[in-house]
Amino acid sequence: MKIVEWHIITVSVAMFITATGLFIYLPFISIKKEPTITIAINIDELCRVDVEEKKWEYVVLHHSATDEGNADNFDRYHREEKKWEHGLAYHFVIGNGNGSGNGEIEVGERWKKQLHGAHTANMDLNRISIGICLVGNFEADNKPTNNQIKSLISLVTYFSEKYNIPKSHIVKHSQVRQKGTVCPGKNFPYKRLIKKLK
């Protein structure tokens, strides 16, 4: 057998063994993708309060404009930097996995005490609207995680049914009549959210 033929056979066998090994090993290679969760929380239990409930009329959607964070971080910032007596401007914060769970709904003190929010510059709207903030900067290249959207849909559906809030009253912060803002960002899937609401 010639040396050239011997090299061809050797290379062919080596390629066959490598390909077989990859074929066997590939199912065990973990491809990083977003973990999914099943929303198994009881929204009614999560939103229960021990005080008289307000008649909420709007839901205003926000992003934190940060890559990470949670309700405690934002509460501390709003108390210490903004000097807001009641702290956290929002009623709810939905985590992205960087500071709190991916899709985790955190309930703020304003909700528990049924206090007005401080999430827009329009105080009239703050008095009658539920503020929900998703952690993330959706004006940059990021989008909400699938888990955040699932949690948001569950929460907004609950409020829509409980307080008879129409879809036209579920608005982005940027739609509020006030000084200009891009919140919750160009990559926030508002139309998709509205379509998915029951």
Protein backbone atom coordinates (compact mmCIF):
# COMPACT_ATOMS: atom_id res chain seq x y z
CA MET A 1 0.00 0.00 0.00
CA LYS A 2 1.34 3.43 -0.92
CA ILE A 3 2.03 6.04 1.75
CA VAL A 4 -0.56 8.42 0.23
CA GLU A 5 -3.29 5.74 0.42
CA TRP A 6 -2.25 4.97 4.02
CA HIS A 7 -2.62 8.68 4.98
CA ILE A 8 -6.03 8.92 3.29
CA ILE A 9 -7.28 5.82 5.13
CA THR A 10 -5.87 7.09 8.47
CA VAL A 11 -7.45 10.54 8.06
CA SER A 12 -10.78 9.00 6.97
CA VAL A 13 -10.88 6.70 10.03
CA ALA A 14 -9.98 9.60 12.34
CA MET A 15 -12.74 11.76 10.82
CA PHE A 16 -15.25 8.90 11.17
CA ILE A 17 -14.34 8.40 14.85
CA THR A 18 -14.55 12.16 15.54
CA ALA A 19 -17.92 12.47 13.80
CA THR A 20 -19.29 9.46 15.70
CA GLY A 21 -18.08 10.92 19.00
CA LEU A 22 -19.70 14.28 18.27
CA PHE A 23 -22.96 12.59 17.24
CA ILE A 24 -23.05 10.70 20.55
CA TYR A 25 -21.92 13.70 22.65
CA LEU A 26 -24.04 16.50 21.09
CA PRO A 27 -27.25 15.75 23.02
CA PHE A 28 -25.31 16.28 26.26
CA ILE A 29 -23.88 19.68 25.29
CA SER A 30 -25.91 22.38 27.01
CA ILE A 31 -26.81 25.27 24.76
CA LYS A 32 -27.38 28.34 26.89
CA LYS A 33 -30.91 29.57 26.47
CA GLU A 34 -33.35 31.31 28.69
CA PRO A 35 -34.84 28.98 31.27
CA THR A 36 -38.59 28.90 31.17
CA ILE A 37 -40.86 28.95 34.15
CA THR A 38 -44.43 28.05 34.59
CA ILE A 39 -46.35 30.79 36.28
CA ALA A 40 -47.61 28.73 39.18
CA ILE A 41 -48.14 31.65 41.52
CA ASN A 42 -51.54 32.57 42.78
CA ILE A 43 -51.94 36.15 41.51
CA ASP A 44 -54.98 36.68 43.72
CA GLU A 45 -52.96 35.72 46.79
CA LEU A 46 -49.97 37.79 45.66
CA CYS A 47 -52.10 40.92 45.18
CA ARG A 48 -54.20 40.55 48.34
CA VAL A 49 -54.06 43.55 50.68
CA ASP A 50 -55.19 44.12 54.26
CA VAL A 51 -56.52 47.63 53.65
CA GLU A 52 -59.42 49.00 51.65
CA GLU A 53 -58.68 48.63 47.95
CA LYS A 54 -58.63 51.59 45.62
CA LYS A 55 -60.57 51.62 42.36
CA TRP A 56 -57.65 51.51 39.95
CA GLU A 57 -58.33 52.73 36.40
CA TYR A 58 -55.02 52.41 34.53
CA VAL A 59 -51.91 50.26 34.32
CA VAL A 60 -48.68 52.06 33.37
CA LEU A 61 -45.76 49.97 32.09
CA HIS A 62 -42.12 50.86 32.75
CA HIS A 63 -38.60 49.55 32.39
CA SER A 64 -35.94 50.20 35.00
CA ALA A 65 -33.44 51.35 32.32
CA THR A 66 -30.86 49.26 34.21
CA ASP A 67 -29.45 45.83 33.38
CA GLU A 68 -30.11 44.55 36.89
CA GLY A 69 -31.94 45.37 40.08
CA ASN A 70 -34.90 44.52 42.24
CA ALA A 71 -37.59 46.18 44.33
CA ASP A 72 -35.27 46.69 47.31
CA ASN A 73 -32.59 48.40 45.17
CA PHE A 74 -35.10 50.74 43.56
CA ASP A 75 -36.81 51.43 46.89
CA ARG A 76 -33.49 52.43 48.47
CA TYR A 77 -32.68 54.69 45.51
CA HIS A 78 -36.10 56.37 45.58
CA ARG A 79 -35.90 56.97 49.35
CA GLU A 80 -32.29 58.10 49.55
CA GLU A 81 -31.74 59.88 46.23
CA LYS A 82 -35.23 61.05 45.29
CA LYS A 83 -36.26 61.61 48.94
CA TRP A 84 -39.68 60.05 48.35
CA GLU A 85 -41.32 59.26 51.65
CA HIS A 86 -42.95 56.06 50.43
CA GLY A 87 -39.90 54.84 48.55
CA LEU A 88 -40.36 52.52 45.58
CA ALA A 89 -42.25 54.48 42.91
CA TYR A 90 -43.92 51.38 41.44
CA HIS A 91 -46.49 49.00 42.81
CA PHE A 92 -44.81 45.95 41.25
CA VAL A 93 -41.37 45.03 39.90
CA ILE A 94 -40.80 42.04 37.60
CA GLY A 95 -37.25 40.66 37.71
CA ASN A 96 -35.04 39.58 34.82
CA GLY A 97 -32.79 37.18 36.76
CA ASN A 98 -30.18 39.82 37.63
CA GLY A 99 -31.06 40.87 41.16
CA SER A 100 -34.26 38.88 41.52
CA GLY A 101 -35.74 35.85 39.81
CA ASN A 102 -36.35 35.81 36.07
CA GLY A 103 -40.07 36.60 35.91
CA GLU A 104 -40.36 37.01 39.69
CA ILE A 105 -43.09 39.48 40.67
CA GLU A 106 -42.12 41.65 43.64
CA VAL A 107 -44.90 43.51 45.43
CA GLY A 108 -44.10 47.03 46.64
CA GLU A 109 -45.30 48.74 49.80
CA ARG A 110 -47.36 51.18 47.76
CA TRP A 111 -49.50 48.28 46.62
CA LYS A 112 -49.76 46.69 50.05
CA LYS A 113 -50.90 50.02 51.52
CA GLN A 114 -52.90 50.99 48.40
CA LEU A 115 -50.96 54.23 48.02
CA HIS A 116 -50.64 56.25 44.82
CA GLY A 117 -47.51 55.65 42.78
CA ALA A 118 -44.72 58.04 41.88
CA HIS A 119 -43.97 56.40 38.56
CA THR A 120 -44.96 59.23 36.20
CA ALA A 121 -44.66 63.00 36.35
CA ASN A 122 -48.46 63.18 36.03
CA MET A 123 -49.71 63.05 39.63
CA ASP A 124 -53.35 62.83 38.54
CA LEU A 125 -52.56 59.61 36.71
CA ASN A 126 -50.36 58.32 39.54
CA ARG A 127 -53.39 58.44 41.86
CA ILE A 128 -55.45 56.09 39.68
CA SER A 129 -52.84 53.89 37.99
CA ILE A 130 -50.93 50.77 38.91
CA GLY A 131 -47.23 51.12 38.11
CA ILE A 132 -45.41 47.99 36.93
CA CYS A 133 -41.67 48.07 36.24
CA LEU A 134 -39.77 45.37 34.37
CA VAL A 135 -36.07 45.20 35.18
CA GLY A 136 -34.01 45.87 32.06
CA ASN A 137 -33.12 48.56 29.56
CA PHE A 138 -35.38 48.01 26.55
CA GLU A 139 -34.26 51.18 24.79
CA ALA A 140 -30.85 49.52 24.36
CA ASP A 141 -30.52 46.19 22.53
CA ASN A 142 -32.30 44.22 25.27
CA LYS A 143 -35.86 42.95 25.33
CA PRO A 144 -37.88 41.66 28.27
CA THR A 145 -37.31 37.97 28.95
CA ASN A 146 -40.05 35.51 28.07
CA ASN A 147 -40.56 34.93 31.79
CA GLN A 148 -41.04 38.65 32.40
CA ILE A 149 -43.66 38.84 29.66
CA LYS A 150 -45.51 35.79 31.02
CA SER A 151 -45.59 37.32 34.50
CA LEU A 152 -46.65 40.69 33.13
CA ILE A 153 -49.50 39.13 31.13
CA SER A 154 -50.71 37.28 34.24
CA LEU A 155 -50.59 40.43 36.35
CA VAL A 156 -52.22 42.76 33.81
CA THR A 157 -54.92 40.21 32.98
CA TYR A 158 -55.73 39.96 36.68
CA PHE A 159 -56.02 43.75 37.05
CA SER A 160 -58.04 44.09 33.85
CA GLU A 161 -60.60 41.60 35.12
CA LYS A 162 -60.66 42.71 38.76
CA TYR A 163 -60.90 46.45 38.15
CA ASN A 164 -62.53 46.34 34.71
CA ILE A 165 -59.55 48.13 33.15
CA PRO A 166 -59.91 48.26 29.34
CA LYS A 167 -56.94 47.60 27.04
CA SER A 168 -56.92 51.29 26.11
CA HIS A 169 -56.01 52.06 29.75
CA ILE A 170 -52.96 49.78 29.72
CA VAL A 171 -50.32 52.22 28.58
CA LYS A 172 -46.58 52.65 28.23
CA HIS A 173 -44.99 55.35 30.35
CA SER A 174 -44.10 57.16 27.11
CA GLN A 175 -47.83 57.49 26.30
CA VAL A 176 -48.52 59.51 29.44
CA ARG A 177 -49.03 63.24 28.94
CA GLN A 178 -45.95 64.68 30.65
CA LYS A 179 -42.39 65.59 29.83
CA GLY A 180 -40.88 63.31 27.20
CA THR A 181 -39.69 59.81 28.00
CA VAL A 182 -38.97 56.72 25.90
CA CYS A 183 -39.86 54.36 28.77
CA PRO A 184 -40.29 51.36 28.53
CA GLY A 185 -38.08 51.56 25.45
CA LYS A 186 -38.33 50.84 21.74
CA ASN A 187 -37.82 47.07 22.24
CA PHE A 188 -40.70 46.64 24.67
CA PRO A 189 -43.25 44.39 22.86
CA TYR A 190 -46.33 46.50 23.67
CA LYS A 191 -48.46 45.38 20.70
CA ARG A 192 -47.68 41.73 21.43
CA LEU A 193 -48.65 42.22 25.07
CA ILE A 194 -51.98 43.86 24.22
CA LYS A 195 -52.80 41.08 21.72
CA LYS A 196 -52.12 38.38 24.32
CA LEU A 197 -54.34 39.88 26.99
CA LYS A 198 -57.60 38.02 27.48
